[in-house]
Protein backbone atom coordinates (compact mmCIF):
# COMPACT_ATOMS: atom_id res chain seq x y z
CA MET A 1 0.14 0.07 -0.42
CA VAL A 2 2.76 2.67 0.83
CA MET A 3 4.22 1.36 -1.97
CA GLY A 4 1.63 2.53 -4.28
CA LEU A 5 1.75 5.98 -1.50
CA LEU A 6 4.84 6.24 -2.97
CA ASP A 7 4.86 6.72 -6.55
CA SER A 8 1.99 7.93 -6.22
CA VAL A 9 3.58 10.99 -4.61
CA LEU A 10 5.99 10.76 -6.48
CA GLY A 11 4.19 10.99 -9.37
CA GLN A 12 2.26 14.12 -8.79
CA VAL A 13 4.92 16.14 -6.54
CA LEU A 14 7.95 15.67 -9.60
CA GLY A 15 5.29 15.47 -12.43
CA GLY A 16 6.71 16.08 -15.36
CA ALA A 17 10.32 16.69 -13.78
CA ALA A 18 11.44 13.33 -12.81
CA GLN A 19 12.06 12.77 -15.85
CA GLN A 20 13.74 16.10 -16.91
CA GLN A 21 16.18 15.42 -14.44
CA GLN A 22 18.79 13.49 -14.49
CA PRO A 23 18.80 10.20 -12.41
CA GLN A 24 21.01 11.11 -9.09
CA GLY A 25 21.36 7.26 -6.54
CA GLY A 26 18.79 5.08 -7.33
CA GLY A 27 17.56 7.59 -10.10
CA LEU A 28 13.85 8.72 -8.09
CA GLY A 29 13.51 12.18 -10.63
CA GLY A 30 16.73 13.44 -8.43
CA LEU A 31 15.77 11.80 -5.31
CA GLY A 32 18.02 8.97 -4.64
CA ASP A 33 16.91 5.93 -3.45
CA LEU A 34 14.73 4.33 -0.77
CA GLY A 35 16.93 3.85 1.83
CA SER A 36 17.50 7.68 1.17
CA LEU A 37 14.15 8.46 2.25
CA ALA A 38 13.32 6.21 4.49
CA GLY A 39 16.38 7.44 6.46
CA ALA A 40 15.00 11.49 5.69
CA LEU A 41 11.94 10.23 7.60
CA GLY A 42 13.78 8.05 10.47
CA GLY A 43 15.59 11.03 11.37
CA LEU A 44 11.78 12.37 12.23
CA LEU A 45 10.58 9.47 13.73
CA ALA A 46 13.57 7.01 15.49
CA ASN A 47 13.72 7.58 18.72
CA ASN A 48 17.90 8.97 18.96
CA GLY A 49 16.95 11.50 15.68
CA GLY A 50 16.63 15.37 16.03
CA GLN A 51 13.58 15.08 16.46
CA GLY A 52 12.81 13.43 19.69
CA GLY A 53 11.16 10.76 18.33
CA LEU A 54 7.42 10.20 17.58
CA GLY A 55 6.37 11.18 20.86
CA GLY A 56 8.78 15.20 19.96
CA MET A 57 6.98 14.65 17.76
CA VAL A 58 3.39 14.55 19.05
CA SER A 59 4.42 17.67 21.34
CA LYS A 60 5.65 20.00 18.34
CA PHE A 61 2.41 19.22 17.15
CA GLU A 62 0.10 19.99 20.16
CA GLN A 63 2.57 23.28 20.45
CA ALA A 64 1.83 24.25 16.85
CA GLY A 65 -2.56 23.55 17.58
CA MET A 66 -2.54 20.25 15.09
CA GLY A 67 -2.31 17.31 18.17
CA ASP A 68 -5.53 16.83 16.83
CA VAL A 69 -4.09 16.36 13.16
CA ILE A 70 -1.13 13.59 14.67
CA GLY A 71 -3.28 12.22 16.50
CA SER A 72 -5.60 10.92 13.62
CA TRP A 73 -2.39 9.61 12.51
CA ILE A 74 -1.07 7.88 15.37
CA GLY A 75 -5.41 6.85 16.52
CA ASN A 76 -6.93 4.57 14.57
CA GLY A 77 -9.49 6.37 12.52
CA GLU A 78 -9.47 8.55 9.06
CA ASN A 79 -6.67 9.93 9.33
CA LYS A 80 -6.54 14.51 8.77
CA PRO A 81 -5.04 15.71 6.17
CA VAL A 82 -1.74 18.15 6.67
CA SER A 83 -0.29 20.83 4.41
CA GLY A 84 2.76 21.17 3.42
CA ASP A 85 2.44 24.64 5.45
CA GLN A 86 1.73 23.10 8.68
CA LEU A 87 3.91 20.17 8.61
CA GLN A 88 6.75 23.58 7.66
CA ASN A 89 5.09 25.88 11.00
CA ALA A 90 5.04 22.56 12.68
CA LEU A 91 8.70 20.91 12.21
CA GLY A 92 10.42 23.87 11.37
CA GLY A 93 11.88 25.49 8.91
CA ASP A 94 15.58 24.23 9.00
CA THR A 95 14.46 21.01 10.22
CA ILE A 96 12.16 20.44 6.79
CA ALA A 97 15.67 21.87 4.92
CA ALA A 98 17.95 19.47 6.63
CA ILE A 99 15.04 16.77 4.69
CA ALA A 100 15.72 17.92 2.15
CA SER A 101 18.76 19.19 1.72
CA LYS A 102 19.89 15.49 1.82
CA LEU A 103 17.23 13.88 -0.32
CA GLY A 104 19.15 16.48 -2.79
CA ILE A 105 15.50 18.24 -2.99
CA ASN A 106 14.10 21.75 -2.22
CA ALA A 107 11.83 22.23 0.60
CA GLN A 108 9.27 23.64 -2.27
CA MET A 109 9.55 19.68 -3.46
CA LEU A 110 9.67 17.71 -0.04
CA LEU A 111 6.64 19.47 2.14
CA PRO A 112 4.21 17.94 -0.80
CA MET A 113 5.24 14.61 -1.01
CA LEU A 114 5.71 14.03 3.03
CA ALA A 115 2.14 15.70 3.63
CA THR A 116 1.17 13.03 1.63
CA MET A 117 3.46 10.33 3.26
CA LEU A 118 4.06 11.25 6.63
CA PRO A 119 1.27 10.30 7.91
CA ALA A 120 0.58 7.14 6.63
CA LEU A 121 3.65 5.84 7.30
CA ILE A 122 2.06 7.22 11.44
CA ASN A 123 0.23 5.75 10.55
CA GLN A 124 0.98 1.80 9.22
CA LEU A 125 3.87 2.71 11.98
CA THR A 126 0.92 2.73 15.26
CA PRO A 127 -1.48 0.34 14.60
CA GLN A 128 -2.49 -0.69 17.95
CA GLY A 129 -3.76 3.22 18.25
CA LYS A 130 -0.94 5.27 20.44
CA VAL A 131 2.29 5.67 20.11
CA PRO A 132 4.95 3.70 22.16
CA GLU A 133 5.97 4.14 25.08
CA GLN A 134 9.14 2.57 24.48
CA GLY A 135 8.67 4.86 21.19
CA LEU A 136 9.60 3.88 17.54
CA GLY A 137 12.94 2.58 17.92
CA ASN A 138 16.21 4.22 17.94
CA GLN A 139 17.49 5.19 13.47
CA ASP A 140 18.87 1.75 13.08
CA ASP A 141 15.78 -0.24 13.80
CA LEU A 142 13.20 2.35 13.52
CA LEU A 143 14.88 2.38 9.20
CA GLY A 144 14.67 -1.04 8.74
CA SER A 145 10.69 -0.92 9.36
CA LEU A 146 10.54 2.19 7.20
CA SER A 147 12.46 0.99 4.45
CA GLY A 148 9.79 -2.51 4.99
CA LEU A 149 6.66 0.36 4.69
CA LEU A 150 7.95 2.49 1.37
CA GLN A 151 8.24 -1.50 -0.61
CA GLY A 152 5.28 -2.06 0.68
CA ASN A 153 5.63 -4.86 3.69
CA LYS A 154 3.84 -4.37 6.82
CA PRO A 155 5.37 -3.95 10.29
CA THR A 156 6.24 -7.11 12.18
């Protein structure tokens, strides 16, 4: 499911840009490979990442007045949508710029992708409908889970 989502997002966000750019890394229109994407997302969600794990991300969303949005991604109901501007507001411009730089794209390309992918990934990583007490794991552990999700596998 998530791989189809990734394909769809890349197609929508990049449009013709993917065909116009010279592929770098794995050739996702200059985005490198799925490992790079998983690594960037892992930095957001991992316990030892710069955001303080999923719990830290929840706090940032709450401080931005969007606790109900991220709560819907964690919970078992329908995921509330988020815009790129809302993500930038919640996570901070420096964080968004760092992820975009790691992927070799600009923030304007990254934000719509994150707005589509992050709710689905957080939903998949929290099948019990709550933030695990121990978090989602350190970056190395989470990288394996994210790579599997991006390739269409369910977390174990």
